Amino acid sequence: MSTAPPYPGSIPPPPPGPGVHPPFPAPPVEGKGRRIGLGFGIGGGVLLLVCGGGAAALWGLGTAGQEALNEQTTVVVSRYLEAVQDRDFDKAYRQLCQDSKDEESRAEYTERMSASEPFRSFQVGDFNSYTFTVPVRVTYTDGDVATLQAEVAQNTSTGAFEVCELGE
């Protein structure tokens, strides 16, 4: 076999047949798929923990916030109803929201409430954050029972809830 002298720009001849060692070792292939799968599995597990923990935290925050709103509105509506039940209309009027006070004077409110049927007891339900209402089950002195809706609003200055209206 003759070997031709290399010419500039010529292509080198192919290496001799089988059994010749390459000039560099081939990268290992065993376990490569398992390492990639393990990496994806661990990454997915960490992602699931982070997202799941965040979702649980948001759910807990929402539940705690709803319970706090429930507690605040229950207290406000109960105080208002106690004043109405005691027929202390001045005290009840002071607890109304500003919009209701703007629509009706203290004298008009007292006159209207004096004409209303007195009630013996009441039970305050859960605050509805979509309608800003609280259901109230009222038992009148004659034994009749009615479910009323107490409309509440937040005072823009203090952030406290106030009763705006009590109606059916």
N, C-alpha and C. Protein backbone atom coordinates (compact mmCIF):
# COMPACT_ATOMS: atom_id res chain seq x y z
N MET A 1 0.84 -1.16 0.00
CA MET A 1 0.00 0.00 0.00
C MET A 1 0.89 1.22 0.00
N SER A 2 0.56 2.13 -0.86
CA SER A 2 1.40 3.32 -0.95
C SER A 2 0.67 4.47 -0.30
N THR A 3 1.42 5.24 0.34
CA THR A 3 0.84 6.42 0.96
C THR A 3 1.27 7.62 0.17
N ALA A 4 0.32 8.41 -0.15
CA ALA A 4 0.61 9.60 -0.93
C ALA A 4 1.04 10.70 0.01
N PRO A 5 1.99 11.50 -0.46
CA PRO A 5 2.40 12.59 0.42
C PRO A 5 1.24 13.57 0.60
N PRO A 6 1.10 14.09 1.81
CA PRO A 6 -0.02 15.02 2.05
C PRO A 6 0.16 16.29 1.25
N TYR A 7 -0.92 16.68 0.66
CA TYR A 7 -0.93 17.92 -0.11
C TYR A 7 -1.69 18.97 0.70
N PRO A 8 -1.29 20.19 0.61
CA PRO A 8 -2.04 21.20 1.36
C PRO A 8 -3.49 21.24 0.90
N GLY A 9 -4.41 21.25 1.90
CA GLY A 9 -5.84 21.32 1.64
C GLY A 9 -6.43 19.99 1.27
N SER A 10 -5.64 18.92 1.31
CA SER A 10 -6.21 17.63 0.95
C SER A 10 -6.87 17.00 2.17
N ILE A 11 -7.79 16.10 1.92
CA ILE A 11 -8.51 15.42 2.99
C ILE A 11 -7.67 14.25 3.44
N PRO A 12 -7.51 14.09 4.76
CA PRO A 12 -6.70 12.95 5.23
C PRO A 12 -7.39 11.64 4.94
N PRO A 13 -6.62 10.59 4.77
CA PRO A 13 -7.23 9.30 4.47
C PRO A 13 -7.97 8.76 5.68
N PRO A 14 -8.95 7.89 5.48
CA PRO A 14 -9.68 7.32 6.63
C PRO A 14 -8.74 6.47 7.47
N PRO A 15 -9.07 6.35 8.77
CA PRO A 15 -8.21 5.54 9.64
C PRO A 15 -8.32 4.07 9.25
N PRO A 16 -7.30 3.31 9.61
CA PRO A 16 -7.34 1.88 9.29
C PRO A 16 -8.52 1.20 9.97
N GLY A 17 -8.90 0.03 9.59
CA GLY A 17 -10.06 -0.75 9.99
C GLY A 17 -10.21 -1.01 11.48
N PRO A 18 -10.98 -2.07 11.78
CA PRO A 18 -11.34 -2.35 13.17
C PRO A 18 -10.12 -2.59 14.05
N GLY A 19 -10.34 -2.27 15.34
CA GLY A 19 -9.28 -2.46 16.31
C GLY A 19 -8.45 -1.24 16.55
N VAL A 20 -8.69 -0.18 15.82
CA VAL A 20 -7.92 1.04 16.02
C VAL A 20 -8.60 1.85 17.12
N HIS A 21 -7.81 2.37 18.01
CA HIS A 21 -8.35 3.17 19.11
C HIS A 21 -8.55 4.61 18.66
N PRO A 22 -9.73 5.20 19.03
CA PRO A 22 -9.95 6.61 18.67
C PRO A 22 -9.00 7.50 19.46
N PRO A 23 -8.75 8.71 18.99
CA PRO A 23 -7.81 9.57 19.66
C PRO A 23 -8.32 10.08 21.02
N PHE A 24 -9.63 9.91 21.33
CA PHE A 24 -10.18 10.33 22.63
C PHE A 24 -11.22 9.29 23.04
N PRO A 25 -11.43 9.15 24.38
CA PRO A 25 -12.41 8.14 24.81
C PRO A 25 -13.84 8.65 24.61
N ALA A 26 -14.79 7.77 24.37
CA ALA A 26 -16.21 8.13 24.22
C ALA A 26 -16.79 8.40 25.61
N PRO A 27 -17.75 9.33 25.71
CA PRO A 27 -18.36 9.61 27.01
C PRO A 27 -19.16 8.39 27.49
N PRO A 28 -19.23 8.22 28.80
CA PRO A 28 -19.98 7.07 29.31
C PRO A 28 -21.48 7.25 29.04
N VAL A 29 -22.16 6.16 28.77
CA VAL A 29 -23.59 6.24 28.48
C VAL A 29 -24.42 5.51 29.54
N GLU A 30 -23.83 4.62 30.32
CA GLU A 30 -24.61 3.88 31.29
C GLU A 30 -25.04 4.82 32.42
N GLY A 31 -26.33 4.75 32.83
CA GLY A 31 -26.87 5.54 33.94
C GLY A 31 -27.29 6.94 33.56
N LYS A 32 -27.06 7.38 32.33
CA LYS A 32 -27.38 8.75 31.94
C LYS A 32 -28.89 8.99 32.01
N GLY A 33 -29.70 8.08 31.51
CA GLY A 33 -31.15 8.22 31.55
C GLY A 33 -31.68 8.23 32.98
N ARG A 34 -31.08 7.43 33.84
CA ARG A 34 -31.51 7.36 35.23
C ARG A 34 -31.20 8.69 35.94
N ARG A 35 -30.05 9.27 35.67
CA ARG A 35 -29.67 10.55 36.31
C ARG A 35 -30.60 11.66 35.86
N ILE A 36 -30.94 11.69 34.59
CA ILE A 36 -31.86 12.73 34.09
C ILE A 36 -33.23 12.54 34.72
N GLY A 37 -33.71 11.30 34.77
CA GLY A 37 -35.01 11.01 35.38
C GLY A 37 -35.03 11.39 36.85
N LEU A 38 -33.94 11.06 37.56
CA LEU A 38 -33.84 11.41 38.98
C LEU A 38 -33.83 12.92 39.16
N GLY A 39 -33.13 13.63 38.30
CA GLY A 39 -33.09 15.10 38.38
C GLY A 39 -34.47 15.71 38.14
N PHE A 40 -35.17 15.20 37.11
CA PHE A 40 -36.53 15.70 36.85
C PHE A 40 -37.47 15.36 38.00
N GLY A 41 -37.33 14.17 38.56
CA GLY A 41 -38.19 13.76 39.68
C GLY A 41 -37.97 14.63 40.91
N ILE A 42 -36.72 14.89 41.25
CA ILE A 42 -36.43 15.76 42.41
C ILE A 42 -36.90 17.18 42.14
N GLY A 43 -36.65 17.69 40.94
CA GLY A 43 -37.11 19.04 40.58
C GLY A 43 -38.62 19.16 40.64
N GLY A 44 -39.32 18.14 40.12
CA GLY A 44 -40.79 18.14 40.17
C GLY A 44 -41.30 18.07 41.60
N GLY A 45 -40.63 17.28 42.44
CA GLY A 45 -41.03 17.19 43.85
C GLY A 45 -40.86 18.51 44.58
N VAL A 46 -39.75 19.19 44.33
CA VAL A 46 -39.52 20.50 44.95
C VAL A 46 -40.55 21.51 44.47
N LEU A 47 -40.83 21.50 43.17
CA LEU A 47 -41.84 22.41 42.61
C LEU A 47 -43.22 22.14 43.23
N LEU A 48 -43.57 20.87 43.38
CA LEU A 48 -44.85 20.50 43.99
C LEU A 48 -44.91 20.98 45.44
N LEU A 49 -43.84 20.82 46.18
CA LEU A 49 -43.82 21.28 47.57
C LEU A 49 -43.98 22.80 47.67
N VAL A 50 -43.26 23.53 46.82
CA VAL A 50 -43.33 24.99 46.86
C VAL A 50 -44.72 25.47 46.46
N CYS A 51 -45.23 24.96 45.35
CA CYS A 51 -46.57 25.39 44.89
C CYS A 51 -47.66 24.93 45.85
N GLY A 52 -47.56 23.72 46.34
CA GLY A 52 -48.54 23.20 47.29
C GLY A 52 -48.51 23.99 48.59
N GLY A 53 -47.32 24.32 49.05
CA GLY A 53 -47.20 25.13 50.27
C GLY A 53 -47.78 26.52 50.07
N GLY A 54 -47.55 27.10 48.89
CA GLY A 54 -48.11 28.42 48.59
C GLY A 54 -49.63 28.38 48.52
N ALA A 55 -50.16 27.34 47.90
CA ALA A 55 -51.62 27.21 47.81
C ALA A 55 -52.23 27.02 49.20
N ALA A 56 -51.59 26.22 50.02
CA ALA A 56 -52.10 26.02 51.39
C ALA A 56 -52.04 27.32 52.19
N ALA A 57 -50.99 28.08 52.01
CA ALA A 57 -50.87 29.36 52.72
C ALA A 57 -51.95 30.33 52.27
N LEU A 58 -52.21 30.41 50.96
CA LEU A 58 -53.28 31.29 50.47
C LEU A 58 -54.64 30.86 50.98
N TRP A 59 -54.89 29.55 51.01
CA TRP A 59 -56.17 29.06 51.52
C TRP A 59 -56.31 29.41 53.00
N GLY A 60 -55.26 29.22 53.77
CA GLY A 60 -55.29 29.55 55.20
C GLY A 60 -55.50 31.04 55.43
N LEU A 61 -54.85 31.86 54.63
CA LEU A 61 -54.99 33.31 54.75
C LEU A 61 -56.42 33.73 54.42
N GLY A 62 -56.98 33.16 53.38
CA GLY A 62 -58.36 33.47 53.01
C GLY A 62 -59.35 33.06 54.08
N THR A 63 -59.15 31.89 54.66
CA THR A 63 -60.04 31.40 55.71
C THR A 63 -59.94 32.28 56.95
N ALA A 64 -58.73 32.63 57.33
CA ALA A 64 -58.54 33.48 58.50
C ALA A 64 -59.15 34.87 58.28
N GLY A 65 -58.99 35.40 57.06
CA GLY A 65 -59.57 36.70 56.74
C GLY A 65 -61.08 36.67 56.80
N GLN A 66 -61.69 35.61 56.28
CA GLN A 66 -63.16 35.49 56.30
C GLN A 66 -63.65 35.37 57.74
N GLU A 67 -62.95 34.62 58.57
CA GLU A 67 -63.34 34.48 59.97
C GLU A 67 -63.24 35.82 60.71
N ALA A 68 -62.22 36.59 60.40
CA ALA A 68 -62.07 37.91 61.03
C ALA A 68 -63.21 38.84 60.62
N LEU A 69 -63.56 38.83 59.33
CA LEU A 69 -64.69 39.65 58.87
C LEU A 69 -65.99 39.20 59.52
N ASN A 70 -66.17 37.89 59.63
CA ASN A 70 -67.36 37.34 60.29
C ASN A 70 -67.48 37.84 61.72
N GLU A 71 -66.37 37.77 62.43
CA GLU A 71 -66.36 38.19 63.84
C GLU A 71 -66.68 39.69 63.97
N GLN A 72 -66.06 40.51 63.15
CA GLN A 72 -66.28 41.95 63.22
C GLN A 72 -67.72 42.31 62.90
N THR A 73 -68.27 41.74 61.84
CA THR A 73 -69.64 42.08 61.45
C THR A 73 -70.65 41.54 62.45
N THR A 74 -70.38 40.40 63.04
CA THR A 74 -71.28 39.85 64.05
C THR A 74 -71.37 40.79 65.25
N VAL A 75 -70.24 41.31 65.68
CA VAL A 75 -70.22 42.23 66.82
C VAL A 75 -70.97 43.52 66.48
N VAL A 76 -70.71 44.09 65.31
CA VAL A 76 -71.34 45.35 64.91
C VAL A 76 -72.85 45.20 64.78
N VAL A 77 -73.28 44.16 64.09
CA VAL A 77 -74.72 43.94 63.89
C VAL A 77 -75.39 43.63 65.24
N SER A 78 -74.74 42.86 66.09
CA SER A 78 -75.32 42.54 67.40
C SER A 78 -75.49 43.80 68.26
N ARG A 79 -74.50 44.67 68.26
CA ARG A 79 -74.61 45.92 69.04
C ARG A 79 -75.76 46.78 68.52
N TYR A 80 -75.87 46.86 67.20
CA TYR A 80 -76.95 47.64 66.61
C TYR A 80 -78.31 47.05 67.00
N LEU A 81 -78.45 45.74 66.86
CA LEU A 81 -79.72 45.09 67.18
C LEU A 81 -80.06 45.18 68.67
N GLU A 82 -79.06 45.13 69.52
CA GLU A 82 -79.30 45.29 70.96
C GLU A 82 -79.86 46.67 71.25
N ALA A 83 -79.33 47.68 70.59
CA ALA A 83 -79.84 49.04 70.78
C ALA A 83 -81.29 49.14 70.28
N VAL A 84 -81.57 48.54 69.13
CA VAL A 84 -82.94 48.56 68.60
C VAL A 84 -83.87 47.77 69.51
N GLN A 85 -83.40 46.63 69.99
CA GLN A 85 -84.21 45.78 70.87
C GLN A 85 -84.54 46.52 72.17
N ASP A 86 -83.58 47.28 72.69
CA ASP A 86 -83.79 48.07 73.91
C ASP A 86 -84.57 49.35 73.63
N ARG A 87 -84.90 49.58 72.37
CA ARG A 87 -85.61 50.78 71.91
C ARG A 87 -84.81 52.05 72.20
N ASP A 88 -83.47 51.91 72.21
CA ASP A 88 -82.56 53.05 72.36
C ASP A 88 -82.16 53.49 70.96
N PHE A 89 -83.05 54.26 70.33
CA PHE A 89 -82.87 54.60 68.92
C PHE A 89 -81.75 55.63 68.70
N ASP A 90 -81.44 56.45 69.71
CA ASP A 90 -80.30 57.36 69.58
C ASP A 90 -79.00 56.57 69.46
N LYS A 91 -78.85 55.56 70.30
CA LYS A 91 -77.66 54.71 70.26
C LYS A 91 -77.60 53.94 68.93
N ALA A 92 -78.73 53.44 68.48
CA ALA A 92 -78.78 52.71 67.21
C ALA A 92 -78.43 53.63 66.05
N TYR A 93 -78.93 54.86 66.07
CA TYR A 93 -78.67 55.82 64.99
C TYR A 93 -77.18 56.15 64.91
N ARG A 94 -76.53 56.27 66.05
CA ARG A 94 -75.09 56.58 66.07
C ARG A 94 -74.26 55.47 65.42
N GLN A 95 -74.80 54.27 65.38
CA GLN A 95 -74.07 53.13 64.82
C GLN A 95 -74.32 52.95 63.32
N LEU A 96 -75.19 53.75 62.76
CA LEU A 96 -75.47 53.65 61.32
C LEU A 96 -74.32 54.20 60.49
N CYS A 97 -74.22 53.72 59.26
CA CYS A 97 -73.20 54.24 58.34
C CYS A 97 -73.58 55.65 57.89
N GLN A 98 -72.61 56.38 57.39
CA GLN A 98 -72.83 57.78 57.03
C GLN A 98 -73.86 57.94 55.92
N ASP A 99 -73.89 57.02 54.96
CA ASP A 99 -74.88 57.11 53.87
C ASP A 99 -76.31 57.07 54.42
N SER A 100 -76.54 56.20 55.41
CA SER A 100 -77.88 56.11 56.00
C SER A 100 -78.21 57.37 56.80
N LYS A 101 -77.21 57.92 57.48
CA LYS A 101 -77.43 59.16 58.24
C LYS A 101 -77.71 60.32 57.29
N ASP A 102 -77.08 60.31 56.12
CA ASP A 102 -77.31 61.37 55.14
C ASP A 102 -78.72 61.29 54.55
N GLU A 103 -79.25 60.09 54.42
CA GLU A 103 -80.58 59.90 53.83
C GLU A 103 -81.71 60.16 54.83
N GLU A 104 -81.44 59.97 56.12
CA GLU A 104 -82.50 60.05 57.12
C GLU A 104 -81.97 60.74 58.37
N SER A 105 -82.70 61.75 58.85
CA SER A 105 -82.27 62.47 60.06
C SER A 105 -82.53 61.58 61.29
N ARG A 106 -81.95 61.99 62.40
CA ARG A 106 -82.14 61.24 63.65
C ARG A 106 -83.63 61.20 64.02
N ALA A 107 -84.33 62.33 63.87
CA ALA A 107 -85.76 62.39 64.21
C ALA A 107 -86.58 61.47 63.30
N GLU A 108 -86.28 61.46 62.01
CA GLU A 108 -87.00 60.59 61.07
C GLU A 108 -86.74 59.12 61.38
N TYR A 109 -85.48 58.83 61.70
CA TYR A 109 -85.12 57.45 62.05
C TYR A 109 -85.85 57.00 63.31
N THR A 110 -85.84 57.85 64.32
CA THR A 110 -86.49 57.51 65.58
C THR A 110 -87.98 57.30 65.38
N GLU A 111 -88.60 58.16 64.58
CA GLU A 111 -90.04 58.03 64.30
C GLU A 111 -90.33 56.72 63.57
N ARG A 112 -89.53 56.39 62.57
CA ARG A 112 -89.72 55.16 61.80
C ARG A 112 -89.51 53.92 62.66
N MET A 113 -88.46 53.94 63.46
CA MET A 113 -88.15 52.77 64.27
C MET A 113 -89.14 52.60 65.42
N SER A 114 -89.67 53.69 65.94
CA SER A 114 -90.67 53.60 67.01
C SER A 114 -91.94 52.92 66.52
N ALA A 115 -92.25 53.09 65.25
CA ALA A 115 -93.44 52.48 64.67
C ALA A 115 -93.22 51.01 64.31
N SER A 116 -91.95 50.55 64.31
CA SER A 116 -91.67 49.16 63.94
C SER A 116 -92.02 48.22 65.09
N GLU A 117 -92.29 46.98 64.73
CA GLU A 117 -92.65 45.96 65.72
C GLU A 117 -91.42 45.59 66.55
N PRO A 118 -91.53 45.62 67.89
CA PRO A 118 -90.39 45.23 68.72
C PRO A 118 -90.12 43.73 68.60
N PHE A 119 -88.88 43.34 68.83
CA PHE A 119 -88.54 41.92 68.78
C PHE A 119 -87.96 41.48 70.11
N ARG A 120 -88.14 40.20 70.38
CA ARG A 120 -87.76 39.61 71.66
C ARG A 120 -86.31 39.09 71.61
N SER A 121 -85.92 38.51 70.48
CA SER A 121 -84.56 37.96 70.38
C SER A 121 -84.11 37.98 68.93
N PHE A 122 -82.82 37.77 68.76
CA PHE A 122 -82.25 37.73 67.41
C PHE A 122 -81.06 36.80 67.39
N GLN A 123 -80.76 36.31 66.21
CA GLN A 123 -79.59 35.44 66.00
C GLN A 123 -78.89 35.91 64.73
N VAL A 124 -77.62 36.26 64.86
CA VAL A 124 -76.85 36.80 63.74
C VAL A 124 -76.15 35.67 63.00
N GLY A 125 -76.25 35.67 61.67
CA GLY A 125 -75.62 34.64 60.84
C GLY A 125 -74.24 35.06 60.36
N ASP A 126 -73.76 34.39 59.32
CA ASP A 126 -72.42 34.63 58.78
C ASP A 126 -72.43 35.74 57.74
N PHE A 127 -71.38 36.52 57.75
CA PHE A 127 -71.18 37.63 56.82
C PHE A 127 -70.99 37.11 55.40
N ASN A 128 -71.69 37.73 54.44
CA ASN A 128 -71.52 37.40 53.03
C ASN A 128 -70.64 38.50 52.42
N SER A 129 -69.41 38.14 52.07
CA SER A 129 -68.45 39.14 51.59
C SER A 129 -68.75 39.61 50.16
N TYR A 130 -69.65 38.94 49.45
CA TYR A 130 -70.00 39.37 48.10
C TYR A 130 -71.08 40.45 48.12
N THR A 131 -72.05 40.29 49.02
CA THR A 131 -73.16 41.24 49.08
C THR A 131 -73.04 42.21 50.24
N PHE A 132 -72.06 42.00 51.11
CA PHE A 132 -71.87 42.80 52.31
C PHE A 132 -73.15 42.83 53.15
N THR A 133 -73.72 41.66 53.33
CA THR A 133 -74.90 41.52 54.17
C THR A 133 -74.68 40.43 55.21
N VAL A 134 -75.47 40.53 56.27
CA VAL A 134 -75.43 39.54 57.34
C VAL A 134 -76.88 39.12 57.60
N PRO A 135 -77.20 37.83 57.48
CA PRO A 135 -78.56 37.40 57.77
C PRO A 135 -78.83 37.43 59.28
N VAL A 136 -80.02 37.87 59.64
CA VAL A 136 -80.40 37.96 61.04
C VAL A 136 -81.77 37.30 61.21
N ARG A 137 -81.85 36.36 62.10
CA ARG A 137 -83.13 35.70 62.40
C ARG A 137 -83.70 36.40 63.63
N VAL A 138 -84.87 37.02 63.45
CA VAL A 138 -85.49 37.84 64.49
C VAL A 138 -86.78 37.16 64.96
N THR A 139 -86.96 37.10 66.28
CA THR A 139 -88.20 36.60 66.86
C THR A 139 -88.92 37.78 67.49
N TYR A 140 -90.10 38.10 66.96
CA TYR A 140 -90.88 39.23 67.46
C TYR A 140 -91.60 38.86 68.75
N THR A 141 -92.10 39.86 69.45
CA THR A 141 -92.75 39.63 70.75
C THR A 141 -94.02 38.78 70.61
N ASP A 142 -94.65 38.78 69.45
CA ASP A 142 -95.86 37.96 69.26
C ASP A 142 -95.52 36.53 68.84
N GLY A 143 -94.22 36.21 68.71
CA GLY A 143 -93.79 34.86 68.38
C GLY A 143 -93.46 34.64 66.92
N ASP A 144 -93.80 35.60 66.07
CA ASP A 144 -93.45 35.47 64.66
C ASP A 144 -91.93 35.52 64.49
N VAL A 145 -91.46 34.79 63.50
CA VAL A 145 -90.03 34.73 63.21
C VAL A 145 -89.81 35.22 61.78
N ALA A 146 -88.78 36.03 61.59
CA ALA A 146 -88.44 36.53 60.25
C ALA A 146 -86.93 36.51 60.08
N THR A 147 -86.52 36.35 58.84
CA THR A 147 -85.10 36.45 58.52
C THR A 147 -84.89 37.76 57.78
N LEU A 148 -84.10 38.63 58.39
CA LEU A 148 -83.80 39.94 57.82
C LEU A 148 -82.35 39.96 57.34
N GLN A 149 -82.03 40.94 56.53
CA GLN A 149 -80.66 41.13 56.06
C GLN A 149 -80.14 42.46 56.59
N ALA A 150 -79.03 42.40 57.31
CA ALA A 150 -78.38 43.61 57.76
C ALA A 150 -77.32 43.97 56.74
N GLU A 151 -77.49 45.10 56.09
CA GLU A 151 -76.50 45.57 55.11
C GLU A 151 -75.43 46.34 55.86
N VAL A 152 -74.19 45.99 55.66
CA VAL A 152 -73.08 46.65 56.34
C VAL A 152 -72.14 47.30 55.33
N ALA A 153 -71.39 48.28 55.81
CA ALA A 153 -70.38 48.95 54.98
C ALA A 153 -69.21 49.31 55.88
N GLN A 154 -68.07 49.52 55.27
CA GLN A 154 -66.89 49.92 56.04
C GLN A 154 -66.77 51.43 56.04
N ASN A 155 -66.49 51.97 57.22
CA ASN A 155 -66.24 53.39 57.36
C ASN A 155 -64.90 53.68 56.67
N THR A 156 -64.89 54.64 55.75
CA THR A 156 -63.66 54.91 55.00
C THR A 156 -62.58 55.55 55.86
N SER A 157 -62.96 56.17 56.96
CA SER A 157 -61.96 56.80 57.84
C SER A 157 -61.35 55.80 58.82
N THR A 158 -62.21 54.99 59.44
CA THR A 158 -61.73 54.09 60.49
C THR A 158 -61.53 52.66 60.03
N GLY A 159 -62.21 52.27 58.94
CA GLY A 159 -62.12 50.89 58.48
C GLY A 159 -63.08 49.97 59.22
N ALA A 160 -63.79 50.49 60.22
CA ALA A 160 -64.71 49.67 61.00
C ALA A 160 -66.01 49.45 60.21
N PHE A 161 -66.66 48.33 60.46
CA PHE A 161 -67.94 48.07 59.83
C PHE A 161 -69.04 48.83 60.55
N GLU A 162 -70.05 49.22 59.78
CA GLU A 162 -71.22 49.90 60.32
C GLU A 162 -72.45 49.35 59.62
N VAL A 163 -73.58 49.33 60.34
CA VAL A 163 -74.84 48.87 59.76
C VAL A 163 -75.41 50.02 58.93
N CYS A 164 -75.85 49.71 57.73
CA CYS A 164 -76.48 50.71 56.87
C CYS A 164 -78.00 50.54 56.85
N GLU A 165 -78.44 49.30 56.85
CA GLU A 165 -79.87 49.06 56.72
C GLU A 165 -80.18 47.69 57.26
N LEU A 166 -81.37 47.55 57.83
CA LEU A 166 -81.87 46.26 58.29
C LEU A 166 -83.21 46.05 57.62
N GLY A 167 -83.28 45.12 56.71
CA GLY A 167 -84.52 44.90 55.98
C GLY A 167 -84.62 43.48 55.48
N GLU A 168 -85.72 43.20 54.80
CA GLU A 168 -85.95 41.83 54.29
C GLU A 168 -85.35 41.63 52.93
